[in-house]
């Protein structure tokens, strides 16, 4: 399964990784590689918890266009 993630550096220099298709599925790492590996594990945990609670495995994410002034 392939899922999109976002990566953003916070004010302390840590890289925050989040999976938009899984609300609340966030992790971090001191390097991009560490953040990606950590969010990969978080995703596995989130999917397992959603499955155990009979929730949809993920939310649908769509791309839209927005005009920026």
PDB file of N, CA and C in Angstrom:
ATOM      1  N   UNK A   1       0.845  -1.168   0.000  1.00  0.00           N
ATOM      2  CA  UNK A   1       0.000   0.000   0.000  1.00  0.00           C
ATOM      3  C   UNK A   1       0.894   1.236   0.000  1.00  0.00           C
ATOM      4  N   UNK A   2       0.587   2.196  -0.868  1.00  0.00           N
ATOM      5  CA  UNK A   2       1.331   3.453  -0.910  1.00  0.00           C
ATOM      6  C   UNK A   2       0.444   4.551  -0.343  1.00  0.00           C
ATOM      7  N   UNK A   3       0.995   5.355   0.553  1.00  0.00           N
ATOM      8  CA  UNK A   3       0.283   6.473   1.153  1.00  0.00           C
ATOM      9  C   UNK A   3       1.155   7.715   1.081  1.00  0.00           C
ATOM     10  N   UNK A   4       0.527   8.858   0.915  1.00  0.00           N
ATOM     11  CA  UNK A   4       1.253  10.119   0.911  1.00  0.00           C
ATOM     12  C   UNK A   4       1.600  10.522   2.333  1.00  0.00           C
ATOM     13  N   UNK A   5       2.747  11.179   2.482  1.00  0.00           N
ATOM     14  CA  UNK A   5       3.113  11.774   3.769  1.00  0.00           C
ATOM     15  C   UNK A   5       3.565  13.198   3.509  1.00  0.00           C
ATOM     16  N   UNK A   6       3.529  14.017   4.550  1.00  0.00           N
ATOM     17  CA  UNK A   6       4.099  15.353   4.480  1.00  0.00           C
ATOM     18  C   UNK A   6       5.286  15.403   5.429  1.00  0.00           C
ATOM     19  N   UNK A   7       6.271  16.206   5.077  1.00  0.00           N
ATOM     20  CA  UNK A   7       7.460  16.407   5.913  1.00  0.00           C
ATOM     21  C   UNK A   7       7.633  17.903   6.127  1.00  0.00           C
ATOM     22  N   UNK A   8       7.804  18.303   7.384  1.00  0.00           N
ATOM     23  CA  UNK A   8       7.982  19.715   7.698  1.00  0.00           C
ATOM     24  C   UNK A   8       8.933  19.850   8.886  1.00  0.00           C
ATOM     25  N   UNK A   9       9.901  20.728   8.758  1.00  0.00           N
ATOM     26  CA  UNK A   9      10.855  20.952   9.855  1.00  0.00           C
ATOM     27  C   UNK A   9      10.203  21.891  10.869  1.00  0.00           C
ATOM     28  N   UNK A  10      10.285  21.539  12.152  1.00  0.00           N
ATOM     29  CA  UNK A  10       9.710  22.405  13.193  1.00  0.00           C
ATOM     30  C   UNK A  10      10.759  23.387  13.712  1.00  0.00           C
ATOM     31  N   UNK A  11      10.369  24.191  14.675  1.00  0.00           N
ATOM     32  CA  UNK A  11      11.262  25.247  15.187  1.00  0.00           C
ATOM     33  C   UNK A  11      12.473  24.712  15.930  1.00  0.00           C
ATOM     34  N   UNK A  12      12.447  23.436  16.328  1.00  0.00           N
ATOM     35  CA  UNK A  12      13.597  22.851  17.017  1.00  0.00           C
ATOM     36  C   UNK A  12      14.532  22.109  16.061  1.00  0.00           C
ATOM     37  N   UNK A  13      14.146  22.036  14.786  1.00  0.00           N
ATOM     38  CA  UNK A  13      14.962  21.339  13.801  1.00  0.00           C
ATOM     39  C   UNK A  13      14.521  19.914  13.525  1.00  0.00           C
ATOM     40  N   UNK A  14      13.566  19.409  14.307  1.00  0.00           N
ATOM     41  CA  UNK A  14      13.046  18.061  14.067  1.00  0.00           C
ATOM     42  C   UNK A  14      12.186  18.068  12.815  1.00  0.00           C
ATOM     43  N   UNK A  15      12.140  16.942  12.134  1.00  0.00           N
ATOM     44  CA  UNK A  15      11.297  16.813  10.952  1.00  0.00           C
ATOM     45  C   UNK A  15      10.032  16.071  11.356  1.00  0.00           C
ATOM     46  N   UNK A  16       8.892  16.726  11.139  1.00  0.00           N
ATOM     47  CA  UNK A  16       7.596  16.166  11.472  1.00  0.00           C
ATOM     48  C   UNK A  16       7.035  15.497  10.224  1.00  0.00           C
ATOM     49  N   UNK A  17       6.642  14.246  10.357  1.00  0.00           N
ATOM     50  CA  UNK A  17       6.071  13.481   9.247  1.00  0.00           C
ATOM     51  C   UNK A  17       4.629  13.145   9.596  1.00  0.00           C
ATOM     52  N   UNK A  18       3.734  13.399   8.647  1.00  0.00           N
ATOM     53  CA  UNK A  18       2.317  13.173   8.878  1.00  0.00           C
ATOM     54  C   UNK A  18       1.709  12.482   7.663  1.00  0.00           C
ATOM     55  N   UNK A  19       0.737  11.614   7.915  1.00  0.00           N
ATOM     56  CA  UNK A  19       0.033  10.915   6.841  1.00  0.00           C
ATOM     57  C   UNK A  19      -1.379  11.501   6.752  1.00  0.00           C
ATOM     58  N   UNK A  20      -1.666  12.338   5.752  1.00  0.00           N
ATOM     59  CA  UNK A  20      -2.956  13.009   5.673  1.00  0.00           C
ATOM     60  C   UNK A  20      -4.159  12.061   5.527  1.00  0.00           C
ATOM     61  N   UNK A  21      -3.944  10.870   5.012  1.00  0.00           N
ATOM     62  CA  UNK A  21      -5.062   9.935   4.847  1.00  0.00           C
ATOM     63  C   UNK A  21      -5.422   9.221   6.136  1.00  0.00           C
ATOM     64  N   UNK A  22      -4.588   9.389   7.173  1.00  0.00           N
ATOM     65  CA  UNK A  22      -4.838   8.779   8.483  1.00  0.00           C
ATOM     66  C   UNK A  22      -4.808   9.877   9.542  1.00  0.00           C
ATOM     67  N   UNK A  23      -5.952  10.476   9.855  1.00  0.00           N
ATOM     68  CA  UNK A  23      -5.977  11.576  10.818  1.00  0.00           C
ATOM     69  C   UNK A  23      -5.285  11.209  12.136  1.00  0.00           C
ATOM     70  N   UNK A  24      -4.408  12.099  12.580  1.00  0.00           N
ATOM     71  CA  UNK A  24      -3.696  11.874  13.829  1.00  0.00           C
ATOM     72  C   UNK A  24      -2.448  11.025  13.709  1.00  0.00           C
ATOM     73  N   UNK A  25      -2.143  10.550  12.523  1.00  0.00           N
ATOM     74  CA  UNK A  25      -0.968   9.702  12.337  1.00  0.00           C
ATOM     75  C   UNK A  25       0.236  10.588  12.042  1.00  0.00           C
ATOM     76  N   UNK A  26       0.998  10.878  13.102  1.00  0.00           N
ATOM     77  CA  UNK A  26       2.116  11.811  13.029  1.00  0.00           C
ATOM     78  C   UNK A  26       3.310  11.194  13.746  1.00  0.00           C
ATOM     79  N   UNK A  27       4.498  11.458  13.215  1.00  0.00           N
ATOM     80  CA  UNK A  27       5.718  11.047  13.898  1.00  0.00           C
ATOM     81  C   UNK A  27       6.779  12.090  13.607  1.00  0.00           C
ATOM     82  N   UNK A  28       7.998  11.845  14.053  1.00  0.00           N
ATOM     83  CA  UNK A  28       9.078  12.800  13.839  1.00  0.00           C
ATOM     84  C   UNK A  28      10.414  12.090  13.823  1.00  0.00           C
ATOM     85  N   UNK A  29      11.430  12.811  13.413  1.00  0.00           N
ATOM     86  CA  UNK A  29      12.787  12.284  13.428  1.00  0.00           C
ATOM     87  C   UNK A  29      13.773  13.420  13.296  1.00  0.00           C
ATOM     88  N   UNK A  30      14.996  13.170  13.679  1.00  0.00           N
ATOM     89  CA  UNK A  30      16.022  14.211  13.588  1.00  0.00           C
ATOM     90  C   UNK A  30      16.543  14.364  12.161  1.00  0.00           C
ATOM     91  N   UNK A  31      16.312  13.355  11.320  1.00  0.00           N
ATOM     92  CA  UNK A  31      16.659  13.422   9.904  1.00  0.00           C
ATOM     93  C   UNK A  31      15.434  13.041   9.095  1.00  0.00           C
ATOM     94  N   UNK A  32      15.458  13.359   7.814  1.00  0.00           N
ATOM     95  CA  UNK A  32      14.344  12.993   6.940  1.00  0.00           C
ATOM     96  C   UNK A  32      14.164  11.474   6.910  1.00  0.00           C
ATOM     97  N   UNK A  33      15.262  10.752   6.810  1.00  0.00           N
ATOM     98  CA  UNK A  33      15.194   9.287   6.774  1.00  0.00           C
ATOM     99  C   UNK A  33      14.585   8.729   8.056  1.00  0.00           C
ATOM    100  N   UNK A  34      14.967   9.279   9.198  1.00  0.00           N
ATOM    101  CA  UNK A  34      14.428   8.816  10.485  1.00  0.00           C
ATOM    102  C   UNK A  34      12.948   9.136  10.587  1.00  0.00           C
ATOM    103  N   UNK A  35      12.552  10.335  10.149  1.00  0.00           N
ATOM    104  CA  UNK A  35      11.145  10.717  10.198  1.00  0.00           C
ATOM    105  C   UNK A  35      10.308   9.795   9.318  1.00  0.00           C
ATOM    106  N   UNK A  36      10.814   9.463   8.144  1.00  0.00           N
ATOM    107  CA  UNK A  36      10.084   8.579   7.232  1.00  0.00           C
ATOM    108  C   UNK A  36       9.961   7.188   7.840  1.00  0.00           C
ATOM    109  N   UNK A  37      11.015   6.677   8.401  1.00  0.00           N
ATOM    110  CA  UNK A  37      10.954   5.349   9.019  1.00  0.00           C
ATOM    111  C   UNK A  37       9.994   5.355  10.212  1.00  0.00           C
ATOM    112  N   UNK A  38      10.046   6.411  11.010  1.00  0.00           N
ATOM    113  CA  UNK A  38       9.162   6.496  12.172  1.00  0.00           C
ATOM    114  C   UNK A  38       7.701   6.615  11.776  1.00  0.00           C
ATOM    115  N   UNK A  39       7.404   7.401  10.737  1.00  0.00           N
ATOM    116  CA  UNK A  39       6.007   7.527  10.320  1.00  0.00           C
ATOM    117  C   UNK A  39       5.531   6.232   9.661  1.00  0.00           C
ATOM    118  N   UNK A  40       6.439   5.511   9.037  1.00  0.00           N
ATOM    119  CA  UNK A  40       6.072   4.203   8.470  1.00  0.00           C
ATOM    120  C   UNK A  40       5.567   3.282   9.586  1.00  0.00           C
ATOM    121  N   UNK A  41       6.262   3.266  10.714  1.00  0.00           N
ATOM    122  CA  UNK A  41       5.827   2.451  11.855  1.00  0.00           C
ATOM    123  C   UNK A  41       4.521   2.976  12.439  1.00  0.00           C
ATOM    124  N   UNK A  42       4.381   4.295  12.511  1.00  0.00           N
ATOM    125  CA  UNK A  42       3.139   4.891  13.017  1.00  0.00           C
ATOM    126  C   UNK A  42       1.960   4.525  12.113  1.00  0.00           C
ATOM    127  N   UNK A  43       2.177   4.529  10.811  1.00  0.00           N
ATOM    128  CA  UNK A  43       1.124   4.160   9.860  1.00  0.00           C
ATOM    129  C   UNK A  43       0.681   2.725  10.093  1.00  0.00           C
ATOM    130  N   UNK A  44       1.640   1.834  10.280  1.00  0.00           N
ATOM    131  CA  UNK A  44       1.286   0.428  10.548  1.00  0.00           C
ATOM    132  C   UNK A  44       0.427   0.319  11.799  1.00  0.00           C
ATOM    133  N   UNK A  45       0.789   1.059  12.849  1.00  0.00           N
ATOM    134  CA  UNK A  45       0.014   1.042  14.081  1.00  0.00           C
ATOM    135  C   UNK A  45      -1.380   1.624  13.894  1.00  0.00           C
ATOM    136  N   UNK A  46      -1.466   2.735  13.160  1.00  0.00           N
ATOM    137  CA  UNK A  46      -2.771   3.351  12.903  1.00  0.00           C
ATOM    138  C   UNK A  46      -3.671   2.422  12.098  1.00  0.00           C
ATOM    139  N   UNK A  47      -3.126   1.790  11.080  1.00  0.00           N
ATOM    140  CA  UNK A  47      -3.924   0.869  10.271  1.00  0.00           C
ATOM    141  C   UNK A  47      -4.408  -0.310  11.102  1.00  0.00           C
ATOM    142  N   UNK A  48      -3.555  -0.820  11.953  1.00  0.00           N
ATOM    143  CA  UNK A  48      -3.920  -1.930  12.824  1.00  0.00           C
ATOM    144  C   UNK A  48      -5.047  -1.524  13.781  1.00  0.00           C
ATOM    145  N   UNK A  49      -4.924  -0.336  14.375  1.00  0.00           N
ATOM    146  CA  UNK A  49      -5.953   0.145  15.312  1.00  0.00           C
ATOM    147  C   UNK A  49      -7.274   0.397  14.589  1.00  0.00           C
ATOM    148  N   UNK A  50      -7.211   0.963  13.387  1.00  0.00           N
ATOM    149  CA  UNK A  50      -8.448   1.217  12.634  1.00  0.00           C
ATOM    150  C   UNK A  50      -9.117  -0.101  12.262  1.00  0.00           C
ATOM    151  N   UNK A  51      -8.326  -1.073  11.857  1.00  0.00           N
ATOM    152  CA  UNK A  51      -8.871  -2.388  11.510  1.00  0.00           C
ATOM    153  C   UNK A  51      -9.522  -3.034  12.739  1.00  0.00           C
ATOM    154  N   UNK A  52      -8.870  -2.967  13.877  1.00  0.00           N
ATOM    155  CA  UNK A  52      -9.373  -3.570  15.104  1.00  0.00           C
ATOM    156  C   UNK A  52     -10.677  -2.920  15.579  1.00  0.00           C
ATOM    157  N   UNK A  53     -10.871  -1.639  15.216  1.00  0.00           N
ATOM    158  CA  UNK A  53     -12.068  -0.910  15.630  1.00  0.00           C
ATOM    159  C   UNK A  53     -13.106  -0.789  14.511  1.00  0.00           C
ATOM    160  N   UNK A  54     -12.928  -1.594  13.471  1.00  0.00           N
ATOM    161  CA  UNK A  54     -13.855  -1.625  12.326  1.00  0.00           C
ATOM    162  C   UNK A  54     -14.052  -0.249  11.683  1.00  0.00           C
ATOM    163  N   UNK A  55     -12.995   0.528  11.655  1.00  0.00           N
ATOM    164  CA  UNK A  55     -13.026   1.828  10.987  1.00  0.00           C
ATOM    165  C   UNK A  55     -12.489   1.669   9.572  1.00  0.00           C
ATOM    166  N   UNK A  56     -12.871   2.565   8.667  1.00  0.00           N
ATOM    167  CA  UNK A  56     -12.258   2.524   7.333  1.00  0.00           C
ATOM    168  C   UNK A  56     -10.740   2.638   7.486  1.00  0.00           C
ATOM    169  N   UNK A  57      -9.999   1.932   6.677  1.00  0.00           N
ATOM    170  CA  UNK A  57      -8.549   1.952   6.833  1.00  0.00           C
ATOM    171  C   UNK A  57      -7.953   3.334   6.627  1.00  0.00           C
ATOM    172  N   UNK A  58      -8.519   4.113   5.726  1.00  0.00           N
ATOM    173  CA  UNK A  58      -7.983   5.443   5.472  1.00  0.00           C
ATOM    174  C   UNK A  58      -9.066   6.339   4.892  1.00  0.00           C
ATOM    175  N   UNK A  59      -8.824   7.629   4.917  1.00  0.00           N
ATOM    176  CA  UNK A  59      -9.723   8.598   4.322  1.00  0.00           C
ATOM    177  C   UNK A  59      -9.282   8.887   2.897  1.00  0.00           C
ATOM    178  N   UNK A  60     -10.220   9.221   2.059  1.00  0.00           N
ATOM    179  CA  UNK A  60      -9.886   9.582   0.685  1.00  0.00           C
ATOM    180  C   UNK A  60      -9.306  10.986   0.669  1.00  0.00           C
ATOM    181  N   UNK A  61      -8.202  11.162  -0.022  1.00  0.00           N
ATOM    182  CA  UNK A  61      -7.565  12.465  -0.164  1.00  0.00           C
ATOM    183  C   UNK A  61      -7.638  12.845  -1.633  1.00  0.00           C
ATOM    184  N   UNK A  62      -8.080  14.059  -1.901  1.00  0.00           N
ATOM    185  CA  UNK A  62      -8.176  14.538  -3.269  1.00  0.00           C
ATOM    186  C   UNK A  62      -7.349  15.794  -3.436  1.00  0.00           C
ATOM    187  N   UNK A  63      -6.923  16.016  -4.655  1.00  0.00           N
ATOM    188  CA  UNK A  63      -6.182  17.221  -4.990  1.00  0.00           C
ATOM    189  C   UNK A  63      -7.139  18.198  -5.654  1.00  0.00           C
ATOM    190  N   UNK A  64      -7.147  19.448  -5.188  1.00  0.00           N
ATOM    191  CA  UNK A  64      -7.970  20.470  -5.794  1.00  0.00           C
ATOM    192  C   UNK A  64      -7.102  21.673  -6.124  1.00  0.00           C
ATOM    193  N   UNK A  65      -7.617  22.522  -6.995  1.00  0.00           N
ATOM    194  CA  UNK A  65      -6.891  23.733  -7.353  1.00  0.00           C
ATOM    195  C   UNK A  65      -7.497  24.916  -6.608  1.00  0.00           C
ATOM    196  N   UNK A  66      -6.650  25.777  -6.058  1.00  0.00           N
ATOM    197  CA  UNK A  66      -7.084  26.960  -5.335  1.00  0.00           C
ATOM    198  C   UNK A  66      -6.305  28.154  -5.858  1.00  0.00           C
ATOM    199  N   UNK A  67      -7.030  29.217  -6.179  1.00  0.00           N
ATOM    200  CA  UNK A  67      -6.356  30.430  -6.623  1.00  0.00           C
ATOM    201  C   UNK A  67      -5.771  31.149  -5.418  1.00  0.00           C
ATOM    202  N   UNK A  68      -4.542  31.586  -5.540  1.00  0.00           N
ATOM    203  CA  UNK A  68      -3.867  32.312  -4.473  1.00  0.00           C
ATOM    204  C   UNK A  68      -3.727  33.767  -4.913  1.00  0.00           C
ATOM    205  N   UNK A  69      -4.180  34.653  -4.070  1.00  0.00           N
ATOM    206  CA  UNK A  69      -4.143  36.088  -4.410  1.00  0.00           C
ATOM    207  C   UNK A  69      -2.753  36.651  -4.284  1.00  0.00           C
TER     208      UNK A  69
END
